[in-house]
C-alpha atoms as a PDB file:
ATOM      1  CA  MET A   1       0.000   0.000   0.000  1.00  0.00           C
ATOM      2  CA  LYS A   2       2.868   2.375   0.774  1.00  0.00           C
ATOM      3  CA  ARG A   3       4.469   1.705  -2.591  1.00  0.00           C
ATOM      4  CA  PHE A   4       1.158   2.176  -4.349  1.00  0.00           C
ATOM      5  CA  SER A   5       0.472   5.427  -2.494  1.00  0.00           C
ATOM      6  CA  PHE A   6       3.939   6.754  -3.257  1.00  0.00           C
ATOM      7  CA  SER A   7       3.624   5.852  -6.934  1.00  0.00           C
ATOM      8  CA  LYS A   8       0.206   7.441  -7.130  1.00  0.00           C
ATOM      9  CA  LEU A   9       1.497  10.580  -5.434  1.00  0.00           C
ATOM     10  CA  MET A  10       4.413  10.856  -7.856  1.00  0.00           C
ATOM     11  CA  LEU A  11       2.069  10.342 -10.788  1.00  0.00           C
ATOM     12  CA  VAL A  12      -0.215  13.139  -9.623  1.00  0.00           C
ATOM     13  CA  LEU A  13       2.731  15.465  -8.982  1.00  0.00           C
ATOM     14  CA  GLY A  14       4.154  14.711 -12.412  1.00  0.00           C
ATOM     15  CA  LEU A  15       0.856  15.424 -14.155  1.00  0.00           C
ATOM     16  CA  LEU A  16       0.450  18.653 -12.196  1.00  0.00           C
ATOM     17  CA  PHE A  17       3.980  19.702 -13.109  1.00  0.00           C
ATOM     18  CA  ILE A  18       3.174  19.179 -16.802  1.00  0.00           C
ATOM     19  CA  TYR A  19      -0.374  20.478 -17.082  1.00  0.00           C
ATOM     20  CA  LEU A  20      -0.688  23.085 -14.337  1.00  0.00           C
ATOM     21  CA  PRO A  21       1.431  25.681 -16.199  1.00  0.00           C
ATOM     22  CA  MET A  22      -0.764  25.166 -19.268  1.00  0.00           C
ATOM     23  CA  LEU A  23      -3.873  25.727 -17.178  1.00  0.00           C
ATOM     24  CA  ILE A  24      -2.400  28.924 -15.704  1.00  0.00           C
ATOM     25  CA  LEU A  25      -1.516  30.114 -19.210  1.00  0.00           C
ATOM     26  CA  VAL A  26      -5.095  29.571 -20.382  1.00  0.00           C
ATOM     27  CA  ILE A  27      -6.494  31.409 -17.355  1.00  0.00           C
ATOM     28  CA  TYR A  28      -4.187  34.388 -17.833  1.00  0.00           C
ATOM     29  CA  SER A  29      -5.131  34.574 -21.503  1.00  0.00           C
ATOM     30  CA  PHE A  30      -8.474  35.938 -20.219  1.00  0.00           C
ATOM     31  CA  ASN A  31      -6.747  38.532 -18.034  1.00  0.00           C
ATOM     32  CA  ALA A  32      -7.995  42.053 -18.687  1.00  0.00           C
ATOM     33  CA  SER A  33      -4.752  43.629 -17.466  1.00  0.00           C
ATOM     34  CA  LYS A  34      -1.811  44.263 -19.781  1.00  0.00           C
ATOM     35  CA  LEU A  35       0.524  43.057 -17.052  1.00  0.00           C
ATOM     36  CA  VAL A  36       0.738  39.281 -17.086  1.00  0.00           C
ATOM     37  CA  THR A  37       1.521  39.015 -13.374  1.00  0.00           C
ATOM     38  CA  VAL A  38      -1.375  41.260 -12.293  1.00  0.00           C
ATOM     39  CA  TRP A  39      -4.919  39.943 -12.476  1.00  0.00           C
ATOM     40  CA  GLY A  40      -7.344  42.557 -13.793  1.00  0.00           C
ATOM     41  CA  GLY A  41     -10.525  40.543 -14.235  1.00  0.00           C
ATOM     42  CA  TRP A  42     -11.937  38.342 -16.949  1.00  0.00           C
ATOM     43  CA  SER A  43     -11.882  39.564 -20.533  1.00  0.00           C
ATOM     44  CA  VAL A  44     -11.689  38.204 -24.085  1.00  0.00           C
ATOM     45  CA  LYS A  45     -10.233  41.363 -25.606  1.00  0.00           C
ATOM     46  CA  TRP A  46      -6.880  39.710 -26.260  1.00  0.00           C
ATOM     47  CA  TYR A  47      -8.555  37.049 -28.397  1.00  0.00           C
ATOM     48  CA  VAL A  48     -10.410  39.755 -30.295  1.00  0.00           C
ATOM     49  CA  GLY A  49      -7.207  41.753 -30.618  1.00  0.00           C
ATOM     50  CA  LEU A  50      -5.515  38.851 -32.395  1.00  0.00           C
ATOM     51  CA  LEU A  51      -7.507  39.707 -35.508  1.00  0.00           C
ATOM     52  CA  ASP A  52      -5.749  43.086 -35.641  1.00  0.00           C
ATOM     53  CA  ASN A  53      -2.281  41.697 -34.909  1.00  0.00           C
ATOM     54  CA  THR A  54      -1.376  40.810 -38.493  1.00  0.00           C
ATOM     55  CA  GLN A  55       2.265  40.069 -37.700  1.00  0.00           C
ATOM     56  CA  LEU A  56       1.480  37.473 -35.036  1.00  0.00           C
ATOM     57  CA  MET A  57      -1.365  35.850 -36.989  1.00  0.00           C
ATOM     58  CA  GLY A  58       0.810  35.784 -40.092  1.00  0.00           C
ATOM     59  CA  SER A  59       3.475  33.856 -38.212  1.00  0.00           C
ATOM     60  CA  VAL A  60       0.819  31.445 -36.926  1.00  0.00           C
ATOM     61  CA  MET A  61      -0.513  30.724 -40.419  1.00  0.00           C
ATOM     62  CA  ARG A  62       3.045  30.409 -41.753  1.00  0.00           C
ATOM     63  CA  SER A  63       3.954  27.897 -39.050  1.00  0.00           C
ATOM     64  CA  LEU A  64       0.809  25.847 -39.706  1.00  0.00           C
ATOM     65  CA  GLU A  65       1.525  25.842 -43.427  1.00  0.00           C
ATOM     66  CA  ILE A  66       5.105  24.672 -42.938  1.00  0.00           C
ATOM     67  CA  ALA A  67       3.995  22.053 -40.404  1.00  0.00           C
ATOM     68  CA  CYS A  68       1.466  20.597 -42.851  1.00  0.00           C
ATOM     69  CA  TYR A  69       4.034  20.425 -45.644  1.00  0.00           C
ATOM     70  CA  THR A  70       6.566  18.888 -43.285  1.00  0.00           C
ATOM     71  CA  ALA A  71       4.160  16.217 -42.037  1.00  0.00           C
ATOM     72  CA  VAL A  72       3.333  15.067 -45.582  1.00  0.00           C
ATOM     73  CA  ALA A  73       6.946  15.051 -46.804  1.00  0.00           C
ATOM     74  CA  ALA A  74       8.333  13.457 -43.632  1.00  0.00           C
ATOM     75  CA  VAL A  75       5.776  10.641 -43.722  1.00  0.00           C
ATOM     76  CA  ALA A  76       6.567   9.900 -47.372  1.00  0.00           C
ATOM     77  CA  LEU A  77      10.352   9.925 -46.973  1.00  0.00           C
ATOM     78  CA  GLY A  78      10.349   8.245 -43.573  1.00  0.00           C
ATOM     79  CA  THR A  79       8.092   5.436 -44.795  1.00  0.00           C
ATOM     80  CA  LEU A  80      10.316   4.747 -47.790  1.00  0.00           C
ATOM     81  CA  ALA A  81      13.412   4.733 -45.585  1.00  0.00           C
ATOM     82  CA  ALA A  82      11.747   2.410 -43.064  1.00  0.00           C
ATOM     83  CA  PHE A  83      10.637   0.067 -45.860  1.00  0.00           C
ATOM     84  CA  VAL A  84      14.191  -0.155 -47.184  1.00  0.00           C
ATOM     85  CA  LEU A  85      15.662  -0.785 -43.733  1.00  0.00           C
ATOM     86  CA  THR A  86      13.189  -3.536 -42.844  1.00  0.00           C
ATOM     87  CA  ARG A  87      12.514  -5.276 -46.160  1.00  0.00           C
ATOM     88  CA  VAL A  88      15.768  -4.869 -48.095  1.00  0.00           C
ATOM     89  CA  THR A  89      18.007  -6.747 -45.727  1.00  0.00           C
ATOM     90  CA  ARG A  90      21.148  -7.041 -47.837  1.00  0.00           C
ATOM     91  CA  PHE A  91      22.722  -4.277 -49.882  1.00  0.00           C
ATOM     92  CA  LYS A  92      26.010  -2.457 -49.799  1.00  0.00           C
ATOM     93  CA  GLY A  93      26.038   0.442 -47.417  1.00  0.00           C
ATOM     94  CA  ARG A  94      23.005  -0.671 -45.420  1.00  0.00           C
ATOM     95  CA  THR A  95      24.673   0.149 -42.107  1.00  0.00           C
ATOM     96  CA  LEU A  96      25.736   3.555 -43.398  1.00  0.00           C
ATOM     97  CA  PHE A  97      22.234   4.212 -44.714  1.00  0.00           C
ATOM     98  CA  GLY A  98      20.680   3.293 -41.376  1.00  0.00           C
ATOM     99  CA  GLY A  99      23.088   5.592 -39.577  1.00  0.00           C
ATOM    100  CA  LEU A 100      22.321   8.470 -41.922  1.00  0.00           C
ATOM    101  CA  VAL A 101      18.566   7.982 -41.445  1.00  0.00           C
ATOM    102  CA  THR A 102      18.770   8.072 -37.657  1.00  0.00           C
ATOM    103  CA  ALA A 103      21.560  10.671 -37.412  1.00  0.00           C
ATOM    104  CA  PRO A 104      19.177  13.671 -37.020  1.00  0.00           C
ATOM    105  CA  LEU A 105      17.810  12.060 -33.848  1.00  0.00           C
ATOM    106  CA  VAL A 106      21.119  12.420 -32.000  1.00  0.00           C
ATOM    107  CA  MET A 107      22.595  15.373 -33.874  1.00  0.00           C
ATOM    108  CA  PRO A 108      22.360  18.715 -32.010  1.00  0.00           C
ATOM    109  CA  GLU A 109      19.933  21.049 -33.740  1.00  0.00           C
ATOM    110  CA  VAL A 110      22.527  23.815 -33.754  1.00  0.00           C
ATOM    111  CA  ILE A 111      24.874  21.662 -35.828  1.00  0.00           C
ATOM    112  CA  THR A 112      22.078  20.610 -38.150  1.00  0.00           C
ATOM    113  CA  GLY A 113      20.863  24.165 -38.624  1.00  0.00           C
ATOM    114  CA  LEU A 114      24.354  25.514 -39.268  1.00  0.00           C
ATOM    115  CA  SER A 115      25.164  22.772 -41.784  1.00  0.00           C
ATOM    116  CA  LEU A 116      21.895  23.371 -43.642  1.00  0.00           C
ATOM    117  CA  LEU A 117      22.575  27.104 -43.699  1.00  0.00           C
ATOM    118  CA  LEU A 118      26.010  26.522 -45.239  1.00  0.00           C
ATOM    119  CA  LEU A 119      24.443  24.101 -47.724  1.00  0.00           C
ATOM    120  CA  PHE A 120      21.828  26.600 -48.872  1.00  0.00           C
ATOM    121  CA  VAL A 121      24.432  29.359 -49.194  1.00  0.00           C
ATOM    122  CA  ALA A 122      26.692  27.110 -51.274  1.00  0.00           C
ATOM    123  CA  MET A 123      23.792  26.021 -53.479  1.00  0.00           C
ATOM    124  CA  ALA A 124      22.780  29.623 -54.058  1.00  0.00           C
ATOM    125  CA  GLN A 125      26.300  30.445 -55.194  1.00  0.00           C
ATOM    126  CA  MET A 126      26.648  27.387 -57.428  1.00  0.00           C
ATOM    127  CA  ILE A 127      23.234  26.921 -59.052  1.00  0.00           C
ATOM    128  CA  GLY A 128      21.405  30.078 -58.018  1.00  0.00           C
ATOM    129  CA  TRP A 129      18.858  28.301 -55.833  1.00  0.00           C
ATOM    130  CA  PRO A 130      17.569  29.156 -53.327  1.00  0.00           C
ATOM    131  CA  GLN A 131      17.859  32.833 -54.106  1.00  0.00           C
ATOM    132  CA  GLU A 132      16.612  33.702 -50.626  1.00  0.00           C
ATOM    133  CA  ARG A 133      15.815  31.691 -47.533  1.00  0.00           C
ATOM    134  CA  GLY A 134      12.182  31.404 -46.604  1.00  0.00           C
ATOM    135  CA  ILE A 135       9.339  28.907 -46.302  1.00  0.00           C
ATOM    136  CA  VAL A 136      10.919  26.397 -48.692  1.00  0.00           C
ATOM    137  CA  THR A 137      14.223  26.227 -46.834  1.00  0.00           C
ATOM    138  CA  ILE A 138      12.451  25.895 -43.480  1.00  0.00           C
ATOM    139  CA  TRP A 139      10.314  23.124 -44.943  1.00  0.00           C
ATOM    140  CA  ILE A 140      13.391  21.239 -46.196  1.00  0.00           C
ATOM    141  CA  ALA A 141      15.117  21.599 -42.833  1.00  0.00           C
ATOM    142  CA  HIS A 142      12.082  20.402 -40.882  1.00  0.00           C
ATOM    143  CA  THR A 143      11.528  17.487 -43.252  1.00  0.00           C
ATOM    144  CA  THR A 144      15.145  16.391 -42.831  1.00  0.00           C
ATOM    145  CA  PHE A 145      14.710  16.445 -39.082  1.00  0.00           C
ATOM    146  CA  CYS A 146      11.249  14.871 -38.819  1.00  0.00           C
ATOM    147  CA  ALA A 147      11.740  12.092 -41.401  1.00  0.00           C
ATOM    148  CA  ALA A 148      14.067  10.325 -38.945  1.00  0.00           C
ATOM    149  CA  TYR A 149      11.301  10.096 -36.323  1.00  0.00           C
ATOM    150  CA  VAL A 150       8.842   8.758 -38.878  1.00  0.00           C
ATOM    151  CA  ALA A 151      11.375   6.165 -40.060  1.00  0.00           C
ATOM    152  CA  VAL A 152      11.858   4.861 -36.507  1.00  0.00           C
ATOM    153  CA  VAL A 153       8.106   4.653 -35.800  1.00  0.00           C
ATOM    154  CA  VAL A 154       7.223   3.004 -39.103  1.00  0.00           C
ATOM    155  CA  SER A 155      10.170   0.583 -38.902  1.00  0.00           C
ATOM    156  CA  ALA A 156       8.921  -0.721 -35.576  1.00  0.00           C
ATOM    157  CA  ARG A 157       5.500  -1.364 -37.113  1.00  0.00           C
ATOM    158  CA  LEU A 158       6.867  -3.005 -40.265  1.00  0.00           C
ATOM    159  CA  ARG A 159       8.902  -5.476 -38.232  1.00  0.00           C
ATOM    160  CA  GLU A 160       5.716  -6.681 -36.522  1.00  0.00           C
ATOM    161  CA  LEU A 161       3.749  -7.352 -39.721  1.00  0.00           C
ATOM    162  CA  ASP A 162       3.024 -10.867 -40.927  1.00  0.00           C
ATOM    163  CA  LEU A 163       4.763 -11.234 -44.291  1.00  0.00           C
ATOM    164  CA  SER A 164       2.554 -14.186 -45.234  1.00  0.00           C
ATOM    165  CA  ILE A 165      -0.301 -11.781 -46.053  1.00  0.00           C
ATOM    166  CA  GLU A 166       1.803  -9.874 -48.568  1.00  0.00           C
ATOM    167  CA  GLU A 167       3.272 -13.090 -49.960  1.00  0.00           C
ATOM    168  CA  ALA A 168      -0.217 -14.534 -50.437  1.00  0.00           C
ATOM    169  CA  ALA A 169      -1.282 -11.441 -52.347  1.00  0.00           C
ATOM    170  CA  MET A 170       1.750 -11.689 -54.649  1.00  0.00           C
ATOM    171  CA  ASP A 171       1.109 -15.405 -55.162  1.00  0.00           C
ATOM    172  CA  LEU A 172      -2.379 -14.485 -56.362  1.00  0.00           C
ATOM    173  CA  GLY A 173      -0.897 -12.186 -58.999  1.00  0.00           C
ATOM    174  CA  ALA A 174      -0.747  -8.794 -57.301  1.00  0.00           C
ATOM    175  CA  LYS A 175       2.208  -6.664 -58.280  1.00  0.00           C
ATOM    176  CA  PRO A 176       4.590  -5.406 -55.566  1.00  0.00           C
ATOM    177  CA  TRP A 177       3.470  -1.784 -55.843  1.00  0.00           C
ATOM    178  CA  LYS A 178      -0.176  -2.879 -55.557  1.00  0.00           C
ATOM    179  CA  VAL A 179       0.609  -4.985 -52.491  1.00  0.00           C
ATOM    180  CA  PHE A 180       2.396  -2.008 -50.949  1.00  0.00           C
ATOM    181  CA  PHE A 181      -0.460   0.453 -51.453  1.00  0.00           C
ATOM    182  CA  LEU A 182      -3.438  -1.870 -50.864  1.00  0.00           C
ATOM    183  CA  ILE A 183      -2.119  -4.164 -48.115  1.00  0.00           C
ATOM    184  CA  THR A 184       1.009  -2.769 -46.464  1.00  0.00           C
ATOM    185  CA  ILE A 185      -0.092   0.862 -46.213  1.00  0.00           C
ATOM    186  CA  PRO A 186      -3.484   0.059 -44.558  1.00  0.00           C
ATOM    187  CA  MET A 187      -1.766  -2.203 -42.025  1.00  0.00           C
ATOM    188  CA  ILE A 188       0.754   0.467 -41.026  1.00  0.00           C
ATOM    189  CA  ALA A 189      -1.761   3.329 -41.181  1.00  0.00           C
ATOM    190  CA  PRO A 190      -1.735   3.929 -37.384  1.00  0.00           C
ATOM    191  CA  SER A 191       2.047   4.346 -37.399  1.00  0.00           C
ATOM    192  CA  LEU A 192       1.800   6.689 -40.380  1.00  0.00           C
ATOM    193  CA  ALA A 193      -0.752   8.795 -38.521  1.00  0.00           C
ATOM    194  CA  ALA A 194       1.442   8.833 -35.425  1.00  0.00           C
ATOM    195  CA  GLY A 195       4.474   9.848 -37.458  1.00  0.00           C
ATOM    196  CA  GLY A 196       2.518  12.573 -39.225  1.00  0.00           C
ATOM    197  CA  MET A 197       1.216  14.031 -35.974  1.00  0.00           C
ATOM    198  CA  MET A 198       4.681  13.887 -34.437  1.00  0.00           C
ATOM    199  CA  SER A 199       6.193  15.639 -37.463  1.00  0.00           C
ATOM    200  CA  PHE A 200       3.488  18.296 -37.355  1.00  0.00           C
ATOM    201  CA  ALA A 201       4.110  18.969 -33.654  1.00  0.00           C
ATOM    202  CA  LEU A 202       7.907  19.025 -34.024  1.00  0.00           C
ATOM    203  CA  SER A 203       7.744  21.404 -36.974  1.00  0.00           C
ATOM    204  CA  LEU A 204       5.288  23.694 -35.218  1.00  0.00           C
ATOM    205  CA  ASP A 205       7.503  23.783 -32.130  1.00  0.00           C
ATOM    206  CA  ASP A 206      10.903  24.161 -33.785  1.00  0.00           C
ATOM    207  CA  LEU A 207      12.914  27.300 -33.114  1.00  0.00           C
ATOM    208  CA  VAL A 208      16.583  26.468 -33.671  1.00  0.00           C
ATOM    209  CA  LEU A 209      16.433  25.140 -37.236  1.00  0.00           C
ATOM    210  CA  ALA A 210      14.034  27.854 -38.359  1.00  0.00           C
ATOM    211  CA  SER A 211      16.314  30.533 -36.905  1.00  0.00           C
ATOM    212  CA  PHE A 212      19.195  29.354 -39.109  1.00  0.00           C
ATOM    213  CA  VAL A 213      17.406  28.752 -42.411  1.00  0.00           C
ATOM    214  CA  SER A 214      14.731  31.474 -42.344  1.00  0.00           C
ATOM    215  CA  GLY A 215      14.943  34.838 -44.022  1.00  0.00           C
ATOM    216  CA  PRO A 216      13.087  38.151 -44.072  1.00  0.00           C
ATOM    217  CA  GLY A 217       9.332  37.704 -44.131  1.00  0.00           C
ATOM    218  CA  SER A 218       9.440  34.041 -43.086  1.00  0.00           C
ATOM    219  CA  THR A 219       9.230  34.346 -39.310  1.00  0.00           C
ATOM    220  CA  THR A 220       7.532  31.373 -37.689  1.00  0.00           C
ATOM    221  CA  LEU A 221       5.448  31.381 -34.517  1.00  0.00           C
ATOM    222  CA  PRO A 222       8.230  30.108 -32.183  1.00  0.00           C
ATOM    223  CA  MET A 223      10.561  32.792 -33.533  1.00  0.00           C
ATOM    224  CA  GLU A 224       7.893  35.457 -33.038  1.00  0.00           C
ATOM    225  CA  VAL A 225       7.151  34.272 -29.508  1.00  0.00           C
ATOM    226  CA  PHE A 226      10.842  34.092 -28.610  1.00  0.00           C
ATOM    227  CA  SER A 227      11.521  37.612 -29.856  1.00  0.00           C
ATOM    228  CA  ALA A 228       8.440  38.936 -28.032  1.00  0.00           C
ATOM    229  CA  VAL A 229       9.249  37.172 -24.736  1.00  0.00           C
ATOM    230  CA  ARG A 230      12.683  38.784 -24.637  1.00  0.00           C
ATOM    231  CA  LEU A 231      10.898  42.123 -24.149  1.00  0.00           C
ATOM    232  CA  GLY A 232       8.251  40.687 -21.815  1.00  0.00           C
ATOM    233  CA  VAL A 233       5.356  38.297 -22.167  1.00  0.00           C
ATOM    234  CA  LYS A 234       2.406  39.908 -23.913  1.00  0.00           C
ATOM    235  CA  PRO A 235      -1.217  38.850 -23.337  1.00  0.00           C
ATOM    236  CA  GLU A 236      -1.576  38.106 -27.059  1.00  0.00           C
ATOM    237  CA  ILE A 237       1.030  35.367 -26.684  1.00  0.00           C
ATOM    238  CA  ASN A 238      -1.085  33.698 -24.001  1.00  0.00           C
ATOM    239  CA  ALA A 239      -4.135  33.900 -26.251  1.00  0.00           C
ATOM    240  CA  VAL A 240      -2.323  32.348 -29.211  1.00  0.00           C
ATOM    241  CA  ALA A 241      -0.881  29.591 -27.036  1.00  0.00           C
ATOM    242  CA  SER A 242      -4.345  28.845 -25.628  1.00  0.00           C
ATOM    243  CA  LEU A 243      -5.813  28.571 -29.118  1.00  0.00           C
ATOM    244  CA  ILE A 244      -3.029  26.198 -30.144  1.00  0.00           C
ATOM    245  CA  LEU A 245      -3.651  24.061 -27.054  1.00  0.00           C
ATOM    246  CA  LEU A 246      -7.345  23.952 -27.879  1.00  0.00           C
ATOM    247  CA  SER A 247      -6.683  22.986 -31.491  1.00  0.00           C
ATOM    248  CA  VAL A 248      -4.209  20.252 -30.560  1.00  0.00           C
ATOM    249  CA  SER A 249      -6.580  18.871 -27.925  1.00  0.00           C
ATOM    250  CA  LEU A 250      -9.480  18.745 -30.396  1.00  0.00           C
ATOM    251  CA  VAL A 251      -7.390  17.043 -33.066  1.00  0.00           C
ATOM    252  CA  THR A 252      -6.043  14.514 -30.566  1.00  0.00           C
ATOM    253  CA  PHE A 253      -9.543  13.762 -29.311  1.00  0.00           C
ATOM    254  CA  LEU A 254     -10.887  13.312 -32.842  1.00  0.00           C
ATOM    255  CA  VAL A 255      -8.034  10.972 -33.777  1.00  0.00           C
ATOM    256  CA  TRP A 256      -8.607   8.935 -30.626  1.00  0.00           C
ATOM    257  CA  TYR A 257     -12.367   8.833 -31.197  1.00  0.00           C
ATOM    258  CA  PHE A 258     -12.191   7.702 -34.824  1.00  0.00           C
ATOM    259  CA  SER A 259      -9.449   5.187 -34.023  1.00  0.00           C
ATOM    260  CA  ARG A 260     -11.589   3.735 -31.266  1.00  0.00           C
ATOM    261  CA  GLN A 261     -14.601   3.547 -33.583  1.00  0.00           C
ATOM    262  CA  ALA A 262     -12.542   1.806 -36.270  1.00  0.00           C
ATOM    263  CA  GLU A 263     -11.173  -0.670 -33.749  1.00  0.00           C
ATOM    264  CA  GLU A 264     -14.668  -1.358 -32.443  1.00  0.00           C
ATOM    265  CA  ARG A 265     -15.979  -1.979 -35.969  1.00  0.00           C
ATOM    266  CA  ARG A 266     -13.062  -4.284 -36.695  1.00  0.00           C
ATOM    267  CA  ARG A 267     -13.668  -6.247 -33.490  1.00  0.00           C
ATOM    268  CA  LYS A 268     -17.367  -6.617 -34.293  1.00  0.00           C
ATOM    269  CA  ALA A 269     -16.579  -7.748 -37.841  1.00  0.00           C
ATOM    270  CA  ILE A 270     -14.167 -10.397 -36.554  1.00  0.00           C
ATOM    271  CA  GLN A 271     -16.701 -11.576 -33.972  1.00  0.00           C
ATOM    272  CA  GLN A 272     -19.439 -11.746 -36.602  1.00  0.00           C
ATOM    273  CA  ALA A 273     -17.197 -13.717 -38.969  1.00  0.00           C
ATOM    274  CA  ILE A 274     -16.373 -16.186 -36.192  1.00  0.00           C
ATOM    275  CA  GLU A 275     -20.040 -16.641 -35.343  1.00  0.00           C
ATOM    276  CA  GLU A 276     -21.001 -17.107 -38.988  1.00  0.00           C
ATOM    277  CA  GLY A 277     -18.224 -19.643 -39.442  1.00  0.00           C
ATOM    278  CA  ALA A 278     -19.334 -21.562 -36.365  1.00  0.00           C
ATOM    279  CA  ALA A 279     -22.952 -21.546 -37.559  1.00  0.00           C
ATOM    280  CA  ALA A 280     -21.911 -22.777 -41.008  1.00  0.00           C
ATOM    281  CA  ASN A 281     -19.890 -25.631 -39.511  1.00  0.00           C
ATOM    282  CA  ALA A 282     -22.785 -26.604 -37.239  1.00  0.00           C
ATOM    283  CA  SER A 283     -25.247 -26.705 -40.156  1.00  0.00           C
ATOM    284  CA  GLN A 284     -23.077 -29.018 -42.274  1.00  0.00           C
ATOM    285  CA  PRO A 285     -23.709 -32.780 -41.890  1.00  0.00           C
ATOM    286  CA  GLN A 286     -21.127 -34.719 -39.961  1.00  0.00           C
ATOM    287  CA  VAL A 287     -18.973 -36.903 -42.220  1.00  0.00           C
ATOM    288  CA  LYS A 288     -17.689 -40.032 -40.547  1.00  0.00           C
ATOM    289  CA  ARG A 289     -14.057 -40.867 -40.880  1.00  0.00           C
ATOM    290  CA  PRO A 290     -13.047 -44.329 -42.236  1.00  0.00           C
ATOM    291  CA  ALA A 291     -11.970 -45.449 -38.776  1.00  0.00           C
ATOM    292  CA  GLN A 292     -15.361 -44.494 -37.343  1.00  0.00           C
ATOM    293  CA  VAL A 293     -17.155 -46.366 -40.148  1.00  0.00           C
ATOM    294  CA  ALA A 294     -15.099 -49.497 -39.548  1.00  0.00           C
ATOM    295  CA  ALA A 295     -15.726 -49.332 -35.806  1.00  0.00           C
ATOM    296  CA  SER A 296     -19.486 -48.963 -36.282  1.00  0.00           C
ATOM    297  CA  ALA A 297     -19.492 -51.884 -38.722  1.00  0.00           C
END
């Protein structure tokens, strides 16, 4: 009982440590006072004022746009890399390829951002692209970083799949690309969704990489918040953060709800198939084996 009580206490303290600051942030986003540390009553004027703050809302929309692009590109590249690592077991340079795929996970973001900055500068001098750093360069940097996470998540799922299903489909005449899109992709869909959501969150939260590879007019939300916090926390920042928390919570709830509904439908379909199979076997006449016929004779 003492161990259980201590574990429960630590769990509660840990959850409070994580979520209590978020709750305080949401409460102070309704503060009528301009001073964050002074409570001036309840008000929604900071949420209304966001419509007039074009610079802050522009950075929010820019960050969401980059995050969406990053999630799509990272899922595509990470899935291909995971498929090569798990299904193509023997080829020259496999160890090097695996190390290159997972290198962004352990590489400091400062080193990654600096190397990408030098790469873009060298490319601009050699081939004339990119002429200026902006949304495209941030997207490339975020995709390079997030594809490694997707590759790890999808690889774990691919290693658990039963290859006999794919082999049976190919034995029946399905081409490899058709097996990949119609059988493999649906079976790893939960890991793809998890990788996409993780890439979206990492891209939306990134500050270091975007600081290196961004240019004029391409300020993201973390960069805007960081520059504003250096001069003091503004109530608009609390309002934007509260809206982001609300959006993330709604999306997470919807994903959980639809996943639960799909799992429930799948469980019911399996149960119905089992019951129908049992009913069909019960309705068929019993065929005696030769040994049973000889014994009865």
